[in-house]
N, C-alpha and C. Protein backbone atom coordinates (compact mmCIF):
# COMPACT_ATOMS: atom_id res chain seq x y z
N MET A 1 -133.29 56.30 -19.34
CA MET A 1 -132.26 57.74 -18.60
C MET A 1 -132.34 58.23 -17.13
N SER A 2 -131.12 58.75 -17.00
CA SER A 2 -131.36 58.61 -15.77
C SER A 2 -131.86 60.52 -15.22
N GLN A 3 -132.29 60.47 -13.80
CA GLN A 3 -133.42 61.20 -13.30
C GLN A 3 -131.93 62.50 -12.83
N ALA A 4 -130.40 61.84 -12.47
CA ALA A 4 -129.85 63.58 -12.09
C ALA A 4 -129.37 63.90 -13.57
N ILE A 5 -129.63 63.72 -15.06
CA ILE A 5 -129.46 64.38 -16.59
C ILE A 5 -130.70 64.52 -16.62
N THR A 6 -131.24 66.15 -16.80
CA THR A 6 -132.58 66.19 -17.06
C THR A 6 -132.27 67.56 -18.24
N THR A 7 -133.69 67.59 -18.75
CA THR A 7 -133.16 68.82 -19.83
C THR A 7 -134.74 69.47 -19.89
N ALA A 8 -134.36 70.71 -20.22
CA ALA A 8 -135.20 71.65 -19.39
C ALA A 8 -136.35 70.89 -20.93
N GLN A 9 -137.78 72.01 -20.69
CA GLN A 9 -138.55 71.45 -21.43
C GLN A 9 -138.80 73.35 -22.40
N ASP A 10 -138.23 74.01 -21.96
CA ASP A 10 -139.01 75.07 -22.61
C ASP A 10 -137.71 75.65 -23.47
N VAL A 11 -138.09 76.21 -24.83
CA VAL A 11 -137.17 76.38 -25.67
C VAL A 11 -136.00 77.17 -24.88
N GLU A 12 -136.31 78.61 -24.05
CA GLU A 12 -135.31 79.42 -24.04
C GLU A 12 -134.02 78.28 -22.72
N SER A 13 -134.84 77.67 -21.67
CA SER A 13 -133.96 77.06 -21.36
C SER A 13 -133.19 75.82 -21.82
N LEU A 14 -133.83 75.33 -22.66
CA LEU A 14 -132.76 74.01 -23.23
C LEU A 14 -132.07 75.63 -24.46
N SER A 15 -131.97 76.22 -24.66
CA SER A 15 -130.99 77.33 -25.59
C SER A 15 -129.94 77.32 -24.78
N LYS A 16 -129.87 77.62 -23.67
CA LYS A 16 -129.11 78.00 -22.26
C LYS A 16 -128.09 76.71 -21.73
N GLU A 17 -129.04 75.59 -22.20
CA GLU A 17 -128.05 74.21 -21.89
C GLU A 17 -127.57 73.81 -22.52
N VAL A 18 -127.71 74.31 -23.84
CA VAL A 18 -126.71 73.91 -25.28
C VAL A 18 -125.54 75.04 -25.12
N THR A 19 -125.84 76.22 -25.22
CA THR A 19 -124.55 76.85 -24.79
C THR A 19 -123.54 76.28 -23.84
N CYS A 20 -124.51 76.23 -22.74
CA CYS A 20 -123.29 75.66 -21.80
C CYS A 20 -122.97 74.87 -22.11
N MET A 21 -123.14 73.74 -22.52
CA MET A 21 -122.59 72.11 -23.34
C MET A 21 -121.44 72.73 -24.56
N LYS A 22 -121.51 73.37 -24.89
CA LYS A 22 -121.09 74.30 -26.05
C LYS A 22 -119.40 74.49 -25.36
N MET A 23 -119.56 75.60 -24.63
CA MET A 23 -118.83 75.94 -23.64
C MET A 23 -117.92 74.85 -22.62
N LEU A 24 -118.66 73.79 -22.30
CA LEU A 24 -118.22 73.07 -21.18
C LEU A 24 -116.98 72.10 -22.43
N VAL A 25 -117.31 71.32 -23.44
CA VAL A 25 -116.40 71.23 -24.75
C VAL A 25 -115.61 71.67 -24.71
N ALA A 26 -115.74 73.38 -25.67
CA ALA A 26 -114.72 74.03 -24.98
C ALA A 26 -113.33 73.77 -24.54
N CYS A 27 -113.59 73.74 -22.97
CA CYS A 27 -112.98 73.87 -21.42
C CYS A 27 -112.60 72.56 -21.52
N MET A 28 -112.76 71.56 -21.68
CA MET A 28 -112.44 70.19 -21.82
C MET A 28 -111.17 70.33 -22.92
N LEU A 29 -111.49 70.69 -24.38
CA LEU A 29 -110.40 71.03 -25.22
C LEU A 29 -109.36 71.15 -24.43
N LYS A 30 -109.57 72.54 -24.26
CA LYS A 30 -108.40 73.43 -23.33
C LYS A 30 -108.02 72.90 -22.50
N SER A 31 -108.19 71.54 -21.81
CA SER A 31 -107.78 71.13 -20.69
C SER A 31 -107.37 69.58 -20.96
N MET A 32 -107.33 69.40 -22.16
CA MET A 32 -106.42 68.04 -23.09
C MET A 32 -105.30 68.51 -23.37
N GLY A 33 -105.00 69.41 -23.43
CA GLY A 33 -103.75 69.37 -24.55
C GLY A 33 -103.69 69.87 -25.86
N GLN A 34 -102.42 70.48 -25.88
CA GLN A 34 -102.93 70.74 -27.57
C GLN A 34 -102.96 69.69 -28.50
N VAL A 35 -102.15 68.31 -28.10
CA VAL A 35 -102.31 67.55 -29.59
C VAL A 35 -103.75 66.44 -29.02
N ASP A 36 -103.71 66.63 -28.10
CA ASP A 36 -104.48 65.87 -27.72
C ASP A 36 -106.24 66.13 -28.90
N ALA A 37 -106.33 67.40 -27.42
CA ALA A 37 -107.27 68.31 -28.19
C ALA A 37 -107.24 68.44 -29.77
N GLY A 38 -106.68 68.96 -30.46
CA GLY A 38 -106.52 69.31 -32.08
C GLY A 38 -107.03 67.27 -32.54
N LYS A 39 -106.28 66.39 -32.05
CA LYS A 39 -107.03 65.02 -32.20
C LYS A 39 -108.28 64.51 -32.31
N ALA A 40 -109.03 65.51 -31.47
CA ALA A 40 -110.78 65.55 -31.02
C ALA A 40 -110.88 66.41 -31.47
N ILE A 41 -111.07 67.56 -31.93
CA ILE A 41 -111.04 68.78 -32.83
C ILE A 41 -111.25 67.61 -34.64
N LEU A 42 -109.97 67.57 -34.54
CA LEU A 42 -110.48 66.26 -36.29
C LEU A 42 -111.20 65.06 -36.74
N ARG A 43 -111.03 64.43 -35.58
CA ARG A 43 -112.17 63.61 -35.76
C ARG A 43 -113.64 64.07 -35.08
N MET A 44 -113.92 65.02 -34.88
CA MET A 44 -115.06 66.15 -34.97
C MET A 44 -115.32 66.21 -36.75
N GLU A 45 -114.57 66.61 -37.55
CA GLU A 45 -114.52 67.54 -38.76
C GLU A 45 -114.94 66.21 -39.38
N ARG A 46 -114.10 64.90 -39.05
CA ARG A 46 -113.95 63.36 -40.10
C ARG A 46 -115.58 63.52 -39.96
N GLN A 47 -116.23 63.31 -38.90
CA GLN A 47 -117.80 63.02 -38.84
C GLN A 47 -118.77 63.97 -39.53
N LEU A 48 -117.90 65.38 -39.29
CA LEU A 48 -119.00 66.00 -40.13
C LEU A 48 -118.75 66.09 -42.02
N ALA A 49 -117.74 65.88 -42.01
CA ALA A 49 -117.60 65.04 -43.54
C ALA A 49 -118.16 64.08 -44.34
N CYS A 50 -118.39 63.38 -42.91
CA CYS A 50 -119.39 61.92 -43.19
C CYS A 50 -120.84 61.87 -43.48
N LEU A 51 -121.71 63.06 -42.84
CA LEU A 51 -122.87 63.43 -42.89
C LEU A 51 -123.31 64.15 -43.98
N GLU A 52 -124.81 63.68 -44.62
CA GLU A 52 -124.84 63.92 -46.02
C GLU A 52 -125.35 65.70 -45.78
N GLU A 53 -125.35 65.74 -46.45
CA GLU A 53 -125.90 67.87 -46.90
C GLU A 53 -127.22 67.41 -46.38
N GLY A 54 -127.32 68.95 -45.00
CA GLY A 54 -128.63 68.98 -45.28
C GLY A 54 -128.58 70.20 -44.50
N GLU A 55 -129.69 69.54 -43.19
CA GLU A 55 -129.28 71.04 -42.26
C GLU A 55 -129.12 70.05 -40.73
N ASP A 56 -128.77 68.95 -40.49
CA ASP A 56 -127.96 68.40 -39.52
C ASP A 56 -126.48 68.60 -39.33
N LYS A 57 -126.20 68.64 -41.14
CA LYS A 57 -124.65 68.69 -41.35
C LYS A 57 -124.32 70.57 -41.43
N THR A 58 -125.67 71.17 -41.39
CA THR A 58 -125.15 72.60 -41.33
C THR A 58 -125.48 73.16 -39.66
N GLN A 59 -125.76 72.57 -38.93
CA GLN A 59 -125.90 72.66 -37.72
C GLN A 59 -124.78 71.86 -37.06
N PHE A 60 -124.76 71.11 -37.57
CA PHE A 60 -123.21 70.14 -36.37
C PHE A 60 -122.26 71.06 -36.60
N SER A 61 -121.69 71.94 -38.63
CA SER A 61 -120.35 73.02 -38.47
C SER A 61 -120.17 74.10 -37.74
N ALA A 62 -121.80 74.75 -37.66
CA ALA A 62 -121.53 75.57 -36.77
C ALA A 62 -121.34 75.67 -35.78
N THR A 63 -122.19 74.60 -35.10
CA THR A 63 -122.04 74.25 -33.69
C THR A 63 -119.85 73.60 -33.22
N LEU A 64 -119.39 73.39 -34.41
CA LEU A 64 -118.10 72.72 -34.64
C LEU A 64 -117.40 74.42 -34.30
N GLN A 65 -117.50 74.63 -35.56
CA GLN A 65 -117.33 76.71 -35.42
C GLN A 65 -117.23 77.08 -34.15
N GLN A 66 -118.42 77.31 -33.31
CA GLN A 66 -118.25 77.54 -32.21
C GLN A 66 -117.46 77.12 -31.35
N ILE A 67 -117.18 75.66 -31.21
CA ILE A 67 -116.77 75.20 -30.41
C ILE A 67 -115.03 75.45 -30.34
N LYS A 68 -114.60 75.45 -31.56
CA LYS A 68 -113.33 75.54 -31.96
C LYS A 68 -112.95 76.71 -31.47
N THR A 69 -113.97 78.25 -32.08
CA THR A 69 -113.74 79.16 -31.69
C THR A 69 -113.38 79.86 -30.12
N ALA A 70 -113.75 79.19 -29.89
CA ALA A 70 -114.38 79.01 -27.66
C ALA A 70 -112.83 78.50 -28.01
N TYR A 71 -112.44 77.73 -28.17
CA TYR A 71 -110.98 77.08 -27.45
C TYR A 71 -109.76 77.62 -28.26
N LEU A 72 -110.05 78.37 -28.66
CA LEU A 72 -109.05 79.27 -29.05
C LEU A 72 -109.38 80.57 -28.96
N ALA A 73 -109.80 81.02 -28.50
CA ALA A 73 -110.16 82.05 -27.43
C ALA A 73 -109.01 82.14 -26.21
């Protein structure tokens, strides 16, 4: 791993980092243009459909929904 990219060890800081990452993804989608962002979202939804039912799929789905909501805001 790169020393330039580190992750916090405590839960609160890690939670803030994840929230920032979600917002960064939404901002990147907004900057891509509607067609390309739509393609990227469709790819993420296809990836979600390939996951097996369980906690990971539920979390991925919730995260994707939050990113889509921020993108559309």
